[in-house]
Amino acid sequence: MNIVVAGGSGFLGQACVRRLLRRGDDVAVLSRHPSRVQAGRGVPWDGTSSGAWIGEIDRADAVVNLAGENIGDGRWTEARKQRLIDSRVDATGAIVAALEKAPSRKRTLIQASAVGFYGFDGEAEQDEDGSKGSGFLADLVDRWESAARPAAAIARLVILRFGVVLADDGGALQKMMLPFRFGGGGRVGDGRQWFSWIDRDDALAAIEWAIDREDARGVYNITAPEPVRNRDFATALGRAMHRPSLLPAPAIALRLLFGQMADEVLLGGQRVVPRRAQAEGFRFRFPAVETALGHVLDR
């Protein structure tokens, strides 16, 4: 297949490109720095303007849109919030506009999203029928998905709401592991908040499944079927790293350091389950956090 990946030089994107190449796909990677693309064919784009990248979209059988600035890289100033919005909404709008230039072709758009859609203040399980929550992240994800929805008229649109993707070479887990390495790891705040997560290999398998499954459409939660409370995740991570997990990160200190981001990302939580994906036949290799962390840290 001819596949275009936007955001293909990021933490999830690089691994996605390598997986698609291994199965024999031709992969074009849309990038602001195409010379730095290490896997696939680097194609210049800025996430907004027209250019030669539109020809790659025209030829593509599937487009995987993973573009977006990292949510957890720094305090949410007003300027940073705007960058988080623009890097998602503008890039998605540009891809949809490119698809609309050849509406008669049969294509698939795999659109990344996030479980932040459901908000960060509930105990109830959230499946794909759950309603939008409140807060900056819920509003951001809603706008992100809304930018993709016009593609449903001209392509098979699949929206994947990812939980926190776990791998030891980047992303949130790499940051979480640092205090554990020095014996200072533990729960965040009171540790009661729910943590919805996904092993990166399962996340990649879900992208591949969505590309190949012709009847997959609409929204899917891509989270392990066994969400855990933060305190239980901290205990499991400590065991997997053979380190203690006794020192909590106090909520007041996190709020001082990170402001609103602490309340929504670190101290808030949601209990998300992948009901649709499981009902339609997707199988998770790593449904439990202990086996996932063992897999991630043994590689």
Protein backbone atom coordinates (compact mmCIF):
# COMPACT_ATOMS: atom_id res chain seq x y z
CA MET A 1 0.00 0.00 0.00
CA ASN A 2 0.96 3.63 -0.45
CA ILE A 3 0.70 5.23 2.98
CA VAL A 4 1.34 8.81 4.11
CA VAL A 5 2.19 9.43 7.76
CA ALA A 6 1.97 12.95 9.18
CA GLY A 7 3.85 13.27 12.44
CA GLY A 8 6.00 10.34 11.38
CA SER A 9 9.12 11.62 13.13
CA GLY A 10 7.56 11.64 16.61
CA PHE A 11 7.55 9.09 19.43
CA LEU A 12 4.65 7.07 18.04
CA GLY A 13 5.14 8.10 14.43
CA GLN A 14 8.67 6.74 13.96
CA ALA A 15 7.67 3.36 15.33
CA CYS A 16 4.57 3.37 13.11
CA VAL A 17 6.60 4.08 9.99
CA ARG A 18 9.07 1.30 10.77
CA ARG A 19 6.24 -1.18 11.30
CA LEU A 20 4.58 -0.25 8.00
CA LEU A 21 7.89 -0.52 6.15
CA ARG A 22 8.50 -3.99 7.59
CA ARG A 23 5.27 -5.23 6.10
CA GLY A 24 6.21 -3.87 2.66
CA ASP A 25 4.26 -0.61 2.42
CA ASP A 26 5.62 2.46 0.65
CA VAL A 27 5.62 5.17 3.33
CA ALA A 28 5.92 8.91 2.79
CA VAL A 29 6.60 10.90 5.98
CA LEU A 30 5.36 14.49 6.04
CA SER A 31 7.87 16.52 8.02
CA ARG A 32 9.06 20.07 8.60
CA HIS A 33 12.58 18.60 8.52
CA PRO A 34 12.49 15.87 5.84
CA SER A 35 16.29 15.45 5.87
CA ARG A 36 16.03 14.19 9.46
CA VAL A 37 13.49 11.47 8.66
CA GLN A 38 15.21 8.18 9.46
CA ALA A 39 12.62 5.75 8.08
CA GLY A 40 10.38 6.21 5.05
CA ARG A 41 10.60 8.95 2.43
CA GLY A 42 10.81 12.41 3.97
CA VAL A 43 8.46 14.90 2.28
CA PRO A 44 8.52 18.59 3.26
CA TRP A 45 5.42 20.19 4.76
CA ASP A 46 4.65 22.83 7.36
CA GLY A 47 1.26 21.59 8.45
CA THR A 48 -0.64 24.39 6.75
CA SER A 49 0.57 25.40 3.27
CA SER A 50 0.01 23.63 -0.02
CA GLY A 51 3.01 21.97 -1.64
CA ALA A 52 4.43 18.82 -3.23
CA TRP A 53 3.13 16.79 -0.28
CA ILE A 54 -0.38 17.04 -1.73
CA GLY A 55 0.77 14.73 -4.54
CA GLU A 56 1.62 12.10 -1.92
CA ILE A 57 -1.90 12.43 -0.51
CA ASP A 58 -3.33 12.02 -4.03
CA ARG A 59 -1.46 8.72 -4.48
CA ALA A 60 -2.07 7.38 -0.99
CA ASP A 61 -4.28 4.43 -0.15
CA ALA A 62 -4.22 5.50 3.49
CA VAL A 63 -3.19 8.57 5.45
CA VAL A 64 -2.20 8.27 9.12
CA ASN A 65 -2.36 11.62 10.90
CA LEU A 66 -0.32 11.63 14.12
CA ALA A 67 0.70 15.30 13.91
CA GLY A 68 0.57 17.42 17.05
CA GLU A 69 2.90 19.09 19.56
CA ASN A 70 3.52 17.08 22.73
CA ILE A 71 0.92 17.81 25.42
CA GLY A 72 3.26 17.16 28.35
CA ASP A 73 6.32 19.17 27.32
CA GLY A 74 6.02 22.15 29.60
CA ARG A 75 3.64 24.46 31.43
CA TRP A 76 0.51 25.49 29.56
CA THR A 77 1.00 29.18 28.94
CA GLU A 78 -1.60 30.81 26.71
CA ALA A 79 0.93 30.82 23.85
CA ARG A 80 1.65 27.12 24.35
CA LYS A 81 -2.03 26.25 24.45
CA GLN A 82 -2.43 27.95 21.10
CA ARG A 83 0.47 25.95 19.66
CA LEU A 84 -1.10 22.72 20.91
CA ILE A 85 -4.34 23.66 19.19
CA ASP A 86 -2.78 24.89 15.95
CA SER A 87 -0.43 21.93 15.56
CA ARG A 88 -3.45 19.60 15.59
CA VAL A 89 -6.33 21.53 14.08
CA ASP A 90 -4.39 23.24 11.26
CA ALA A 91 -2.53 20.07 10.25
CA THR A 92 -5.73 18.01 10.22
CA GLY A 93 -7.56 20.67 8.23
CA ALA A 94 -4.75 20.75 5.66
CA ILE A 95 -4.87 16.97 5.23
CA VAL A 96 -8.65 16.96 4.81
CA ALA A 97 -8.38 19.77 2.24
CA ALA A 98 -5.80 17.72 0.32
CA LEU A 99 -8.09 14.66 0.34
CA GLU A 100 -10.90 16.81 -1.02
CA LYS A 101 -8.83 17.58 -4.12
CA ALA A 102 -9.38 13.98 -5.31
CA PRO A 103 -12.74 13.03 -3.79
CA SER A 104 -13.47 10.15 -6.17
CA ARG A 105 -10.50 8.05 -4.99
CA LYS A 106 -11.06 5.41 -2.34
CA ARG A 107 -8.90 6.35 0.65
CA THR A 108 -8.65 5.82 4.39
CA LEU A 109 -7.82 8.48 6.98
CA ILE A 110 -6.58 7.21 10.34
CA GLN A 111 -6.87 10.18 12.67
CA ALA A 112 -5.09 10.25 16.02
CA SER A 113 -7.01 11.56 19.00
CA ALA A 114 -6.82 11.15 22.78
CA VAL A 115 -8.85 9.99 25.76
CA GLY A 116 -8.60 13.53 27.12
CA PHE A 117 -11.89 13.96 25.26
CA TYR A 118 -13.70 12.47 28.28
CA GLY A 119 -12.32 14.97 30.79
CA PHE A 120 -10.32 14.20 33.91
CA ASP A 121 -12.68 14.17 36.86
CA GLY A 122 -14.74 10.97 36.84
CA GLU A 123 -14.90 7.47 38.32
CA ALA A 124 -17.29 5.98 35.77
CA GLU A 125 -16.08 3.79 32.91
CA GLN A 126 -16.02 5.62 29.60
CA ASP A 127 -16.54 3.74 26.35
CA GLU A 128 -16.86 5.29 22.90
CA ASP A 129 -20.42 6.44 23.66
CA GLY A 130 -19.18 8.59 26.55
CA SER A 131 -19.84 12.30 26.30
CA LYS A 132 -17.25 15.07 26.08
CA GLY A 133 -15.82 16.19 29.39
CA SER A 134 -14.74 19.63 30.54
CA GLY A 135 -11.35 21.31 30.56
CA PHE A 136 -8.74 22.47 28.09
CA LEU A 137 -7.82 18.98 26.88
CA ALA A 138 -11.42 17.95 26.29
CA ASP A 139 -12.00 21.11 24.25
CA LEU A 140 -8.73 20.60 22.34
CA VAL A 141 -9.54 17.00 21.44
CA ASP A 142 -13.07 17.95 20.39
CA ARG A 143 -11.70 20.59 18.00
CA TRP A 144 -9.08 18.12 16.72
CA GLU A 145 -11.68 15.49 15.90
CA SER A 146 -14.06 18.07 14.44
CA ALA A 147 -11.35 19.14 11.98
CA ALA A 148 -11.15 15.53 10.73
CA ARG A 149 -14.87 14.77 10.47
CA PRO A 150 -15.46 16.36 7.03
CA ALA A 151 -13.20 13.62 5.61
CA ALA A 152 -15.94 11.06 6.31
CA ALA A 153 -17.74 12.28 3.18
CA ILE A 154 -14.83 11.34 0.91
CA ALA A 155 -12.83 8.68 2.80
CA ARG A 156 -13.14 5.94 5.38
CA LEU A 157 -12.49 7.88 8.56
CA VAL A 158 -11.22 6.10 11.69
CA ILE A 159 -10.57 8.16 14.84
CA LEU A 160 -8.32 6.47 17.42
CA ARG A 161 -8.51 7.91 20.93
CA PHE A 162 -5.21 6.83 22.47
CA GLY A 163 -4.47 6.48 26.15
CA VAL A 164 -0.96 7.19 27.46
CA VAL A 165 1.37 5.24 25.15
CA LEU A 166 4.01 3.26 27.03
CA ALA A 167 7.52 2.62 25.73
CA ASP A 168 10.89 3.13 27.39
CA ASP A 169 12.51 5.24 24.65
CA GLY A 170 10.28 8.30 24.89
CA GLY A 171 6.86 9.60 25.77
CA ALA A 172 5.40 9.80 29.27
CA LEU A 173 6.92 6.57 30.59
CA GLN A 174 10.48 7.73 30.03
CA LYS A 175 9.76 10.76 32.24
CA MET A 176 7.99 8.64 34.85
CA MET A 177 10.94 6.26 35.11
CA LEU A 178 13.52 8.93 36.00
CA PRO A 179 12.65 9.37 39.72
CA PHE A 180 12.30 5.59 40.13
CA ARG A 181 15.87 5.14 38.89
CA PHE A 182 17.07 7.26 41.81
CA GLY A 183 14.80 5.62 44.37
CA GLY A 184 12.37 8.54 44.50
CA GLY A 185 9.39 7.17 42.59
CA GLY A 186 5.83 6.81 43.80
CA ARG A 187 2.24 7.80 43.24
CA VAL A 188 1.19 11.21 41.95
CA GLY A 189 -0.94 13.16 44.41
CA ASP A 190 -3.22 10.79 46.33
CA GLY A 191 -2.83 8.17 43.58
CA ARG A 192 -6.57 7.51 43.31
CA GLN A 193 -6.92 8.97 39.81
CA TRP A 194 -7.49 6.48 36.99
CA PHE A 195 -4.76 5.94 34.43
CA SER A 196 -5.74 4.80 30.92
CA TRP A 197 -2.71 3.47 29.08
CA ILE A 198 -1.64 1.38 26.07
CA ASP A 199 1.54 -0.56 25.25
CA ARG A 200 3.08 1.03 22.16
CA ASP A 201 3.10 -2.27 20.26
CA ASP A 202 -0.64 -2.56 20.84
CA ALA A 203 -1.10 1.04 19.71
CA LEU A 204 0.79 0.29 16.49
CA ALA A 205 -1.18 -2.91 15.95
CA ALA A 206 -4.38 -0.89 16.32
CA ILE A 207 -3.26 1.55 13.62
CA GLU A 208 -2.46 -1.36 11.31
CA TRP A 209 -5.80 -3.01 12.13
CA ALA A 210 -7.65 0.22 11.32
CA ILE A 211 -5.84 0.54 7.98
CA ASP A 212 -6.60 -3.02 6.92
CA ARG A 213 -10.12 -3.53 8.28
CA GLU A 214 -12.43 -2.18 5.59
CA ASP A 215 -15.48 -2.00 7.86
CA ALA A 216 -13.73 -0.04 10.64
CA ARG A 217 -15.21 3.45 10.84
CA GLY A 218 -15.75 6.11 13.45
CA VAL A 219 -14.31 6.38 16.96
CA TYR A 220 -12.35 3.71 18.83
CA ASN A 221 -10.76 3.94 22.26
CA ILE A 222 -7.24 2.57 21.97
CA THR A 223 -6.48 1.88 25.60
CA ALA A 224 -5.66 -1.35 27.40
CA PRO A 225 -8.85 -3.04 28.65
CA GLU A 226 -7.59 -2.85 32.25
CA PRO A 227 -7.09 0.78 33.32
CA VAL A 228 -5.47 1.16 36.74
CA ARG A 229 -5.31 3.76 39.47
CA ASN A 230 -2.16 5.85 39.51
CA ARG A 231 -0.99 4.33 42.81
CA ASP A 232 -1.26 0.81 41.34
CA PHE A 233 0.61 1.87 38.22
CA ALA A 234 3.39 3.33 40.39
CA THR A 235 3.63 0.07 42.34
CA ALA A 236 3.79 -1.98 39.12
CA LEU A 237 6.44 0.31 37.63
CA GLY A 238 8.56 0.08 40.78
CA ARG A 239 8.38 -3.71 40.67
CA ALA A 240 9.26 -3.83 36.98
CA MET A 241 12.27 -1.56 37.55
CA HIS A 242 13.25 -3.27 40.85
CA ARG A 243 13.01 0.07 42.61
CA PRO A 244 10.96 1.34 45.56
CA SER A 245 7.72 3.22 44.90
CA LEU A 246 7.23 4.88 48.27
CA LEU A 247 7.73 8.61 47.65
CA PRO A 248 4.62 10.41 46.35
CA ALA A 249 4.79 13.55 44.23
CA PRO A 250 2.74 16.10 46.26
CA ALA A 251 -0.17 17.73 44.45
CA ILE A 252 0.73 21.21 45.70
CA ALA A 253 4.24 20.98 44.28
CA LEU A 254 2.98 19.75 40.91
CA ARG A 255 0.47 22.60 40.72
CA LEU A 256 3.21 25.12 41.47
CA LEU A 257 5.41 23.65 38.74
CA PHE A 258 2.87 22.91 36.02
CA GLY A 259 -0.30 24.88 36.79
CA GLN A 260 -3.38 23.76 34.87
CA MET A 261 -1.47 20.94 33.17
CA ALA A 262 -0.93 19.30 36.58
CA ASP A 263 -4.66 19.25 37.34
CA GLU A 264 -5.67 17.80 33.98
CA VAL A 265 -2.77 15.52 33.04
CA LEU A 266 -1.09 14.48 36.30
CA LEU A 267 -3.69 14.74 39.05
CA GLY A 268 -6.81 14.11 36.99
CA GLY A 269 -7.75 10.79 35.47
CA GLN A 270 -10.27 8.86 33.45
CA ARG A 271 -11.31 5.21 33.31
CA VAL A 272 -11.51 4.45 29.59
CA VAL A 273 -12.26 1.06 28.04
CA PRO A 274 -11.87 -0.08 24.39
CA ARG A 275 -15.34 -1.56 23.98
CA ARG A 276 -15.76 -1.09 20.22
CA ALA A 277 -12.31 -2.33 19.23
CA GLN A 278 -12.74 -5.50 21.28
CA ALA A 279 -16.28 -6.09 20.02
CA GLU A 280 -15.02 -5.83 16.43
CA GLY A 281 -12.19 -8.30 16.91
CA PHE A 282 -9.09 -6.36 17.93
CA ARG A 283 -7.01 -8.31 20.43
CA PHE A 284 -4.61 -6.68 22.88
CA ARG A 285 -1.34 -8.51 23.43
CA PHE A 286 -0.74 -6.62 26.67
CA PRO A 287 -4.05 -6.06 28.47
CA ALA A 288 -2.60 -5.87 32.01
CA VAL A 289 -0.14 -3.23 33.18
CA GLU A 290 2.26 -5.74 34.78
CA THR A 291 2.72 -7.67 31.52
CA ALA A 292 2.98 -4.47 29.50
CA LEU A 293 5.69 -3.00 31.73
CA GLY A 294 7.54 -6.32 31.69
CA HIS A 295 7.41 -6.26 27.89
CA VAL A 296 8.46 -2.63 27.60
CA LEU A 297 11.37 -2.86 30.03
CA ASP A 298 12.67 -6.23 28.82
CA ARG A 299 13.23 -5.06 25.23
